[in-house]
Amino acid sequence: MTATATAPSDSPPRAGWDALTAELDAWAAAGRTATLWWRDDDAIEPTPALDRMIALSVETGAPLALAVIPAGIKASLASVVDAASGVTVLQHGWSHTNHAAPPTKKAELGADRPAAAVLAELAEGRSVLERRFGPRALPVLVPPWNRVAPGVVAGLPGAGFAGLSVFGPRRVSTVNMMCVNTHIDPVAWKDGKRFLGEAESLGMAVAHLRARRLGAVDAAEATGLLTHHLVMDGETWAFTARFLTMTRRHPAARWLAAETLFATPSAAEGHR
């Protein structure tokens, strides 16, 4: 299974903490478990912000999937990941370079270059991460800006990839690959990268969880939180910590590690 890349909505639905609790209560009443996962993008080196993100993962017990940019990686990042048992590594493109000509939206893995050239870079990036992180590096691609051309997607299995993660509910295709996307992005990218707001961020969470529960989207896809440790302001950090803590405490919610999600299709199911 895989998906085409989508972007966060300009007008996300709105909800509050009570609505999130009520939605999780509905999962519990149905005898089901709402699975969730956490992806953080743009890592290349140890920073105080990355240390804070990993500490939050340890504190809340929520596994963290770190999307690392291979071309810019610093050797010191490997020791940080090695010391954090709850952290796995995904591949965030090759260099996070925009190759799209204006006014096209930014993309590194778009149709502006031959798919063969893009796939060659991605294969090199895969080798870099394997050398640096060993089995902690999963063969999962996270396209920069959550955009990837169909021709690149079609060639991913041949380049050694078994998984793909973009933004938005996944869609079924003919590519023999596991896709687990993210659905909650609390950063207002078009407004100074400030905190999007509780109502909008929680609205994304409740909307995807409800759609899964009612069968409007793939119920087996875990609801994904997307963070960016390098750009988050204080309010975004506070929201992320509260969201992780609240959901970890609810009996109907379960946070899954990336290695579980990308292992088998059944691992990410919202269980009945």
C-alpha atoms as a PDB file:
ATOM      1  CA  MET A   1       0.000   0.000   0.000  1.00  0.00           C
ATOM      2  CA  THR A   2       1.101   3.553  -0.601  1.00  0.00           C
ATOM      3  CA  ALA A   3      -0.225   7.058  -0.979  1.00  0.00           C
ATOM      4  CA  THR A   4       0.183  10.213  -2.953  1.00  0.00           C
ATOM      5  CA  ALA A   5       1.535  13.157  -1.000  1.00  0.00           C
ATOM      6  CA  THR A   6      -0.874  15.727   0.319  1.00  0.00           C
ATOM      7  CA  ALA A   7      -0.348  18.880   2.342  1.00  0.00           C
ATOM      8  CA  PRO A   8      -1.945  20.019   5.587  1.00  0.00           C
ATOM      9  CA  SER A   9      -5.244  21.756   4.929  1.00  0.00           C
ATOM     10  CA  ASP A  10      -5.289  25.559   4.977  1.00  0.00           C
ATOM     11  CA  SER A  11      -8.491  25.334   7.038  1.00  0.00           C
ATOM     12  CA  PRO A  12      -8.201  22.348   9.371  1.00  0.00           C
ATOM     13  CA  PRO A  13     -11.213  21.318  11.449  1.00  0.00           C
ATOM     14  CA  ARG A  14     -11.387  22.599  15.010  1.00  0.00           C
ATOM     15  CA  ALA A  15     -11.747  20.640  18.240  1.00  0.00           C
ATOM     16  CA  GLY A  16     -10.782  20.748  21.917  1.00  0.00           C
ATOM     17  CA  TRP A  17      -9.297  18.384  24.444  1.00  0.00           C
ATOM     18  CA  ASP A  18     -12.785  17.263  25.485  1.00  0.00           C
ATOM     19  CA  ALA A  19     -13.533  16.321  21.878  1.00  0.00           C
ATOM     20  CA  LEU A  20     -10.341  14.258  21.709  1.00  0.00           C
ATOM     21  CA  THR A  21     -11.267  12.485  24.934  1.00  0.00           C
ATOM     22  CA  ALA A  22     -14.783  11.851  23.650  1.00  0.00           C
ATOM     23  CA  GLU A  23     -13.442  10.376  20.409  1.00  0.00           C
ATOM     24  CA  LEU A  24     -11.083   8.048  22.259  1.00  0.00           C
ATOM     25  CA  ASP A  25     -13.949   7.107  24.576  1.00  0.00           C
ATOM     26  CA  ALA A  26     -15.945   6.142  21.467  1.00  0.00           C
ATOM     27  CA  TRP A  27     -13.100   3.840  20.416  1.00  0.00           C
ATOM     28  CA  ALA A  28     -13.129   2.284  23.881  1.00  0.00           C
ATOM     29  CA  ALA A  29     -16.913   1.822  23.809  1.00  0.00           C
ATOM     30  CA  ALA A  30     -16.533  -0.011  20.505  1.00  0.00           C
ATOM     31  CA  GLY A  31     -13.891  -2.288  22.016  1.00  0.00           C
ATOM     32  CA  ARG A  32     -11.206  -0.913  19.694  1.00  0.00           C
ATOM     33  CA  THR A  33      -7.739   0.561  20.143  1.00  0.00           C
ATOM     34  CA  ALA A  34      -6.789   3.836  18.474  1.00  0.00           C
ATOM     35  CA  THR A  35      -3.216   3.402  17.305  1.00  0.00           C
ATOM     36  CA  LEU A  36      -0.936   6.422  16.949  1.00  0.00           C
ATOM     37  CA  TRP A  37       2.642   7.097  15.912  1.00  0.00           C
ATOM     38  CA  TRP A  38       5.122   9.987  15.969  1.00  0.00           C
ATOM     39  CA  ARG A  39       7.416  11.268  13.199  1.00  0.00           C
ATOM     40  CA  ASP A  40       9.860  14.169  13.622  1.00  0.00           C
ATOM     41  CA  ASP A  41      11.527  15.600  10.500  1.00  0.00           C
ATOM     42  CA  ASP A  42      14.782  17.298   9.439  1.00  0.00           C
ATOM     43  CA  ALA A  43      17.404  15.801  11.751  1.00  0.00           C
ATOM     44  CA  ILE A  44      21.052  16.036  10.696  1.00  0.00           C
ATOM     45  CA  GLU A  45      22.983  16.584  13.924  1.00  0.00           C
ATOM     46  CA  PRO A  46      22.637  16.735  17.707  1.00  0.00           C
ATOM     47  CA  THR A  47      21.045  19.970  18.925  1.00  0.00           C
ATOM     48  CA  PRO A  48      19.425  21.091  22.188  1.00  0.00           C
ATOM     49  CA  ALA A  49      16.052  20.881  20.411  1.00  0.00           C
ATOM     50  CA  LEU A  50      16.700  17.282  19.364  1.00  0.00           C
ATOM     51  CA  ASP A  51      17.801  16.412  22.898  1.00  0.00           C
ATOM     52  CA  ARG A  52      14.531  17.914  24.138  1.00  0.00           C
ATOM     53  CA  MET A  53      12.528  15.890  21.624  1.00  0.00           C
ATOM     54  CA  ILE A  54      14.187  12.633  22.611  1.00  0.00           C
ATOM     55  CA  ALA A  55      13.720  13.457  26.298  1.00  0.00           C
ATOM     56  CA  LEU A  56      10.006  14.005  25.630  1.00  0.00           C
ATOM     57  CA  SER A  57       9.834  10.597  23.988  1.00  0.00           C
ATOM     58  CA  VAL A  58      11.460   9.020  27.033  1.00  0.00           C
ATOM     59  CA  GLU A  59       9.244  10.939  29.456  1.00  0.00           C
ATOM     60  CA  THR A  60       5.976  10.039  27.728  1.00  0.00           C
ATOM     61  CA  GLY A  61       6.943   6.569  26.549  1.00  0.00           C
ATOM     62  CA  ALA A  62       5.912   7.407  22.976  1.00  0.00           C
ATOM     63  CA  PRO A  63       8.340   5.913  20.399  1.00  0.00           C
ATOM     64  CA  LEU A  64       9.936   8.484  18.092  1.00  0.00           C
ATOM     65  CA  ALA A  65      10.654   8.012  14.376  1.00  0.00           C
ATOM     66  CA  LEU A  66      13.360  10.478  13.379  1.00  0.00           C
ATOM     67  CA  ALA A  67      13.430  11.459   9.694  1.00  0.00           C
ATOM     68  CA  VAL A  68      17.126  12.096   8.940  1.00  0.00           C
ATOM     69  CA  ILE A  69      18.570  13.946   5.907  1.00  0.00           C
ATOM     70  CA  PRO A  70      21.409  11.708   4.626  1.00  0.00           C
ATOM     71  CA  ALA A  71      23.489  14.264   2.704  1.00  0.00           C
ATOM     72  CA  GLY A  72      23.807  16.607   5.667  1.00  0.00           C
ATOM     73  CA  ILE A  73      24.239  14.097   8.445  1.00  0.00           C
ATOM     74  CA  LYS A  74      26.921  14.629  11.098  1.00  0.00           C
ATOM     75  CA  ALA A  75      28.691  11.590  12.528  1.00  0.00           C
ATOM     76  CA  SER A  76      27.787  12.697  16.056  1.00  0.00           C
ATOM     77  CA  LEU A  77      24.096  12.029  15.409  1.00  0.00           C
ATOM     78  CA  ALA A  78      24.677   8.263  15.466  1.00  0.00           C
ATOM     79  CA  SER A  79      25.790   8.261  19.108  1.00  0.00           C
ATOM     80  CA  VAL A  80      22.688  10.222  20.119  1.00  0.00           C
ATOM     81  CA  VAL A  81      20.386   7.752  18.373  1.00  0.00           C
ATOM     82  CA  ASP A  82      22.305   4.763  19.744  1.00  0.00           C
ATOM     83  CA  ALA A  83      21.744   6.053  23.284  1.00  0.00           C
ATOM     84  CA  ALA A  84      17.988   6.496  22.780  1.00  0.00           C
ATOM     85  CA  SER A  85      16.316   3.102  22.770  1.00  0.00           C
ATOM     86  CA  GLY A  86      12.908   4.423  21.669  1.00  0.00           C
ATOM     87  CA  VAL A  87      14.194   6.167  18.541  1.00  0.00           C
ATOM     88  CA  THR A  88      14.272   4.752  15.013  1.00  0.00           C
ATOM     89  CA  VAL A  89      15.568   6.418  11.842  1.00  0.00           C
ATOM     90  CA  LEU A  90      13.704   7.027   8.594  1.00  0.00           C
ATOM     91  CA  GLN A  91      15.170   8.584   5.433  1.00  0.00           C
ATOM     92  CA  HIS A  92      14.219  12.189   4.731  1.00  0.00           C
ATOM     93  CA  GLY A  93      14.989  12.397   1.030  1.00  0.00           C
ATOM     94  CA  TRP A  94      18.636  12.937   0.082  1.00  0.00           C
ATOM     95  CA  SER A  95      19.610  16.578   0.749  1.00  0.00           C
ATOM     96  CA  HIS A  96      16.245  18.323   1.295  1.00  0.00           C
ATOM     97  CA  THR A  97      16.947  20.492  -1.761  1.00  0.00           C
ATOM     98  CA  ASN A  98      14.134  22.050  -3.749  1.00  0.00           C
ATOM     99  CA  HIS A  99      14.334  21.197  -7.456  1.00  0.00           C
ATOM    100  CA  ALA A 100      10.912  22.540  -8.436  1.00  0.00           C
ATOM    101  CA  ALA A 101      10.768  25.682 -10.557  1.00  0.00           C
ATOM    102  CA  PRO A 102       8.444  28.471  -9.361  1.00  0.00           C
ATOM    103  CA  PRO A 103       5.513  28.685  -9.057  1.00  0.00           C
ATOM    104  CA  THR A 104       5.425  24.936  -8.460  1.00  0.00           C
ATOM    105  CA  LYS A 105       5.392  23.978  -4.795  1.00  0.00           C
ATOM    106  CA  LYS A 106       8.725  22.938  -3.310  1.00  0.00           C
ATOM    107  CA  ALA A 107       9.797  19.352  -3.912  1.00  0.00           C
ATOM    108  CA  GLU A 108      13.039  17.411  -3.916  1.00  0.00           C
ATOM    109  CA  LEU A 109      11.538  14.214  -5.280  1.00  0.00           C
ATOM    110  CA  GLY A 110       9.193  15.680  -7.862  1.00  0.00           C
ATOM    111  CA  ALA A 111       8.953  15.235 -11.631  1.00  0.00           C
ATOM    112  CA  ASP A 112      11.404  18.049 -12.387  1.00  0.00           C
ATOM    113  CA  ARG A 113      14.266  15.544 -12.744  1.00  0.00           C
ATOM    114  CA  PRO A 114      14.420  12.049 -14.249  1.00  0.00           C
ATOM    115  CA  ALA A 115      13.133   9.440 -11.805  1.00  0.00           C
ATOM    116  CA  ALA A 116      16.304   7.394 -12.325  1.00  0.00           C
ATOM    117  CA  ALA A 117      18.473  10.262 -11.078  1.00  0.00           C
ATOM    118  CA  VAL A 118      16.254  10.815  -8.049  1.00  0.00           C
ATOM    119  CA  LEU A 119      16.235   7.116  -7.200  1.00  0.00           C
ATOM    120  CA  ALA A 120      20.027   6.933  -7.489  1.00  0.00           C
ATOM    121  CA  GLU A 121      20.359   9.682  -4.871  1.00  0.00           C
ATOM    122  CA  LEU A 122      17.864   7.966  -2.621  1.00  0.00           C
ATOM    123  CA  ALA A 123      19.725   4.663  -2.903  1.00  0.00           C
ATOM    124  CA  GLU A 124      22.957   6.422  -1.887  1.00  0.00           C
ATOM    125  CA  GLY A 125      21.136   7.980   1.050  1.00  0.00           C
ATOM    126  CA  ARG A 126      19.894   4.568   2.060  1.00  0.00           C
ATOM    127  CA  SER A 127      23.488   3.306   2.149  1.00  0.00           C
ATOM    128  CA  VAL A 128      24.598   6.289   4.241  1.00  0.00           C
ATOM    129  CA  LEU A 129      21.945   5.675   6.881  1.00  0.00           C
ATOM    130  CA  GLU A 130      22.619   1.956   7.005  1.00  0.00           C
ATOM    131  CA  ARG A 131      26.306   2.611   7.607  1.00  0.00           C
ATOM    132  CA  ARG A 132      25.612   5.189  10.312  1.00  0.00           C
ATOM    133  CA  PHE A 133      22.715   3.574  12.158  1.00  0.00           C
ATOM    134  CA  GLY A 134      22.665  -0.098  11.237  1.00  0.00           C
ATOM    135  CA  PRO A 135      19.317  -1.813  11.920  1.00  0.00           C
ATOM    136  CA  ARG A 136      17.966   1.321  13.615  1.00  0.00           C
ATOM    137  CA  ALA A 137      17.624   2.809  10.111  1.00  0.00           C
ATOM    138  CA  LEU A 138      14.448   1.509   8.502  1.00  0.00           C
ATOM    139  CA  PRO A 139      14.076   1.322   4.696  1.00  0.00           C
ATOM    140  CA  VAL A 140      11.313   3.935   4.839  1.00  0.00           C
ATOM    141  CA  LEU A 141      11.260   7.126   2.755  1.00  0.00           C
ATOM    142  CA  VAL A 142       9.925  10.432   4.085  1.00  0.00           C
ATOM    143  CA  PRO A 143       9.826  12.844   1.093  1.00  0.00           C
ATOM    144  CA  PRO A 144      10.829  16.434   1.909  1.00  0.00           C
ATOM    145  CA  TRP A 145       7.785  18.685   1.875  1.00  0.00           C
ATOM    146  CA  ASN A 146       5.750  15.447   1.786  1.00  0.00           C
ATOM    147  CA  ARG A 147       5.809  15.465  -2.016  1.00  0.00           C
ATOM    148  CA  VAL A 148       6.992  12.711  -4.339  1.00  0.00           C
ATOM    149  CA  ALA A 149       6.394  12.033  -8.032  1.00  0.00           C
ATOM    150  CA  PRO A 150       4.516   8.836  -8.993  1.00  0.00           C
ATOM    151  CA  GLY A 151       7.467   7.707 -11.108  1.00  0.00           C
ATOM    152  CA  VAL A 152       9.745   7.900  -8.067  1.00  0.00           C
ATOM    153  CA  VAL A 153       7.248   6.013  -5.913  1.00  0.00           C
ATOM    154  CA  ALA A 154       7.093   3.244  -8.506  1.00  0.00           C
ATOM    155  CA  GLY A 155      10.859   2.795  -8.346  1.00  0.00           C
ATOM    156  CA  LEU A 156      11.239   2.790  -4.559  1.00  0.00           C
ATOM    157  CA  PRO A 157      11.118  -1.000  -4.034  1.00  0.00           C
ATOM    158  CA  GLY A 158      13.905  -1.440  -6.582  1.00  0.00           C
ATOM    159  CA  ALA A 159      15.971   1.156  -4.697  1.00  0.00           C
ATOM    160  CA  GLY A 160      15.682  -0.833  -1.483  1.00  0.00           C
ATOM    161  CA  PHE A 161      12.728   0.853   0.185  1.00  0.00           C
ATOM    162  CA  ALA A 162       9.917  -1.026   1.902  1.00  0.00           C
ATOM    163  CA  GLY A 163       7.921   1.914   3.250  1.00  0.00           C
ATOM    164  CA  LEU A 164       6.761   5.462   2.533  1.00  0.00           C
ATOM    165  CA  SER A 165       5.411   8.223   4.784  1.00  0.00           C
ATOM    166  CA  VAL A 166       3.833  11.495   3.610  1.00  0.00           C
ATOM    167  CA  PHE A 167       0.921  13.570   4.989  1.00  0.00           C
ATOM    168  CA  GLY A 168      -2.761  12.739   4.856  1.00  0.00           C
ATOM    169  CA  PRO A 169      -4.862   9.545   4.869  1.00  0.00           C
ATOM    170  CA  ARG A 170      -3.196   6.835   2.832  1.00  0.00           C
ATOM    171  CA  ARG A 171      -4.648   5.549  -0.407  1.00  0.00           C
ATOM    172  CA  VAL A 172      -4.310   2.106  -1.913  1.00  0.00           C
ATOM    173  CA  SER A 173      -2.174   1.716  -5.027  1.00  0.00           C
ATOM    174  CA  THR A 174      -0.407  -1.019  -6.930  1.00  0.00           C
ATOM    175  CA  VAL A 175       3.005  -0.363  -5.380  1.00  0.00           C
ATOM    176  CA  ASN A 176       4.036  -3.231  -3.146  1.00  0.00           C
ATOM    177  CA  MET A 177       5.012  -1.061  -0.192  1.00  0.00           C
ATOM    178  CA  MET A 178       3.748  -0.195   3.284  1.00  0.00           C
ATOM    179  CA  CYS A 179       2.596   3.406   3.641  1.00  0.00           C
ATOM    180  CA  VAL A 180       1.959   4.984   7.043  1.00  0.00           C
ATOM    181  CA  ASN A 181       1.372   8.729   6.903  1.00  0.00           C
ATOM    182  CA  THR A 182       1.093  11.580   9.371  1.00  0.00           C
ATOM    183  CA  HIS A 183      -2.127  13.533   9.937  1.00  0.00           C
ATOM    184  CA  ILE A 184      -1.494  16.118  12.676  1.00  0.00           C
ATOM    185  CA  ASP A 185       0.889  19.027  12.020  1.00  0.00           C
ATOM    186  CA  PRO A 186       0.806  21.712  14.749  1.00  0.00           C
ATOM    187  CA  VAL A 187       3.055  24.201  12.892  1.00  0.00           C
ATOM    188  CA  ALA A 188       1.523  27.120  10.950  1.00  0.00           C
ATOM    189  CA  TRP A 189       3.981  27.039   8.049  1.00  0.00           C
ATOM    190  CA  LYS A 190       2.428  29.976   6.196  1.00  0.00           C
ATOM    191  CA  ASP A 191       2.270  32.165   9.303  1.00  0.00           C
ATOM    192  CA  GLY A 192       5.815  32.461  10.592  1.00  0.00           C
ATOM    193  CA  LYS A 193       6.089  28.796  11.653  1.00  0.00           C
ATOM    194  CA  ARG A 194       4.252  29.621  14.864  1.00  0.00           C
ATOM    195  CA  PHE A 195       1.959  27.240  16.721  1.00  0.00           C
ATOM    196  CA  LEU A 196      -1.101  26.484  14.604  1.00  0.00           C
ATOM    197  CA  GLY A 197      -3.331  26.481  17.679  1.00  0.00           C
ATOM    198  CA  GLU A 198      -4.947  23.884  19.917  1.00  0.00           C
ATOM    199  CA  ALA A 199      -8.322  23.932  18.155  1.00  0.00           C
ATOM    200  CA  GLU A 200      -6.838  23.368  14.703  1.00  0.00           C
ATOM    201  CA  SER A 201      -4.217  20.820  15.816  1.00  0.00           C
ATOM    202  CA  LEU A 202      -6.709  18.809  17.842  1.00  0.00           C
ATOM    203  CA  GLY A 203      -9.184  19.113  14.990  1.00  0.00           C
ATOM    204  CA  MET A 204      -6.776  17.217  12.736  1.00  0.00           C
ATOM    205  CA  ALA A 205      -6.386  14.479  15.351  1.00  0.00           C
ATOM    206  CA  VAL A 206     -10.092  14.084  16.035  1.00  0.00           C
ATOM    207  CA  ALA A 207     -10.981  14.209  12.334  1.00  0.00           C
ATOM    208  CA  HIS A 208      -8.633  11.372  11.392  1.00  0.00           C
ATOM    209  CA  LEU A 209      -9.506   9.232  14.405  1.00  0.00           C
ATOM    210  CA  ARG A 210     -13.235   9.667  13.752  1.00  0.00           C
ATOM    211  CA  ALA A 211     -12.839   8.944  10.039  1.00  0.00           C
ATOM    212  CA  ARG A 212     -10.967   5.738  10.900  1.00  0.00           C
ATOM    213  CA  ARG A 213     -13.587   4.676  13.424  1.00  0.00           C
ATOM    214  CA  LEU A 214     -16.448   5.291  10.978  1.00  0.00           C
ATOM    215  CA  GLY A 215     -14.680   3.662   8.031  1.00  0.00           C
ATOM    216  CA  ALA A 216     -14.327   6.823   5.943  1.00  0.00           C
ATOM    217  CA  VAL A 217     -10.561   6.248   5.653  1.00  0.00           C
ATOM    218  CA  ASP A 218      -8.319   3.223   6.137  1.00  0.00           C
ATOM    219  CA  ALA A 219      -8.980   2.213   9.748  1.00  0.00           C
ATOM    220  CA  ALA A 220      -5.747   0.221   9.860  1.00  0.00           C
ATOM    221  CA  GLU A 221      -3.531   3.290   9.379  1.00  0.00           C
ATOM    222  CA  ALA A 222      -2.231   4.642  12.693  1.00  0.00           C
ATOM    223  CA  THR A 223      -2.914   8.336  13.286  1.00  0.00           C
ATOM    224  CA  GLY A 224       0.385  10.175  12.896  1.00  0.00           C
ATOM    225  CA  LEU A 225       1.749  13.190  14.761  1.00  0.00           C
ATOM    226  CA  LEU A 226       4.265  15.210  12.728  1.00  0.00           C
ATOM    227  CA  THR A 227       6.752  17.481  14.506  1.00  0.00           C
ATOM    228  CA  HIS A 228       9.784  19.532  13.453  1.00  0.00           C
ATOM    229  CA  HIS A 229      12.110  19.987  16.419  1.00  0.00           C
ATOM    230  CA  LEU A 230      14.177  22.738  14.765  1.00  0.00           C
ATOM    231  CA  VAL A 231      11.294  25.201  14.238  1.00  0.00           C
ATOM    232  CA  MET A 232       8.929  24.610  17.161  1.00  0.00           C
ATOM    233  CA  ASP A 233       8.070  27.536  19.440  1.00  0.00           C
ATOM    234  CA  GLY A 234       7.148  27.234  23.117  1.00  0.00           C
ATOM    235  CA  GLU A 235       3.440  26.766  22.468  1.00  0.00           C
ATOM    236  CA  THR A 236       4.082  24.009  19.948  1.00  0.00           C
ATOM    237  CA  TRP A 237       6.335  22.195  22.416  1.00  0.00           C
ATOM    238  CA  ALA A 238       3.693  22.531  25.142  1.00  0.00           C
ATOM    239  CA  PHE A 239       0.959  21.177  22.867  1.00  0.00           C
ATOM    240  CA  THR A 240       3.101  18.249  21.771  1.00  0.00           C
ATOM    241  CA  ALA A 241       3.893  17.287  25.363  1.00  0.00           C
ATOM    242  CA  ARG A 242       0.250  17.526  26.423  1.00  0.00           C
ATOM    243  CA  PHE A 243      -0.979  15.570  23.403  1.00  0.00           C
ATOM    244  CA  LEU A 244       1.503  12.763  24.019  1.00  0.00           C
ATOM    245  CA  THR A 245       0.775  12.643  27.746  1.00  0.00           C
ATOM    246  CA  MET A 246      -3.019  12.751  27.395  1.00  0.00           C
ATOM    247  CA  THR A 247      -3.192  10.037  24.763  1.00  0.00           C
ATOM    248  CA  ARG A 248      -0.704   7.803  26.565  1.00  0.00           C
ATOM    249  CA  ARG A 249      -2.991   7.890  29.619  1.00  0.00           C
ATOM    250  CA  HIS A 250      -6.176   7.004  27.735  1.00  0.00           C
ATOM    251  CA  PRO A 251      -6.905   3.253  27.799  1.00  0.00           C
ATOM    252  CA  ALA A 252      -8.113   3.218  24.189  1.00  0.00           C
ATOM    253  CA  ALA A 253      -4.964   4.815  22.727  1.00  0.00           C
ATOM    254  CA  ARG A 254      -1.713   3.024  21.950  1.00  0.00           C
ATOM    255  CA  TRP A 255       1.478   4.526  20.541  1.00  0.00           C
ATOM    256  CA  LEU A 256       3.344   2.258  18.146  1.00  0.00           C
ATOM    257  CA  ALA A 257       6.973   2.245  17.079  1.00  0.00           C
ATOM    258  CA  ALA A 258       7.851   2.726  13.419  1.00  0.00           C
ATOM    259  CA  GLU A 259       9.470  -0.690  13.193  1.00  0.00           C
ATOM    260  CA  THR A 260       6.128  -2.212  14.199  1.00  0.00           C
ATOM    261  CA  LEU A 261       4.095  -0.113  11.785  1.00  0.00           C
ATOM    262  CA  PHE A 262       6.265  -0.822   8.779  1.00  0.00           C
ATOM    263  CA  ALA A 263       6.742  -4.521   9.530  1.00  0.00           C
ATOM    264  CA  THR A 264       3.358  -5.951   8.514  1.00  0.00           C
ATOM    265  CA  PRO A 265       0.031  -4.497   7.331  1.00  0.00           C
ATOM    266  CA  SER A 266      -1.774  -5.851  10.394  1.00  0.00           C
ATOM    267  CA  ALA A 267       0.507  -4.142  12.897  1.00  0.00           C
ATOM    268  CA  ALA A 268      -1.160  -0.758  12.504  1.00  0.00           C
ATOM    269  CA  GLU A 269      -4.768  -1.886  12.724  1.00  0.00           C
ATOM    270  CA  GLY A 270      -7.348  -0.158  14.847  1.00  0.00           C
ATOM    271  CA  HIS A 271      -8.310  -3.372  16.616  1.00  0.00           C
ATOM    272  CA  ARG A 272     -11.903  -4.421  17.124  1.00  0.00           C
END
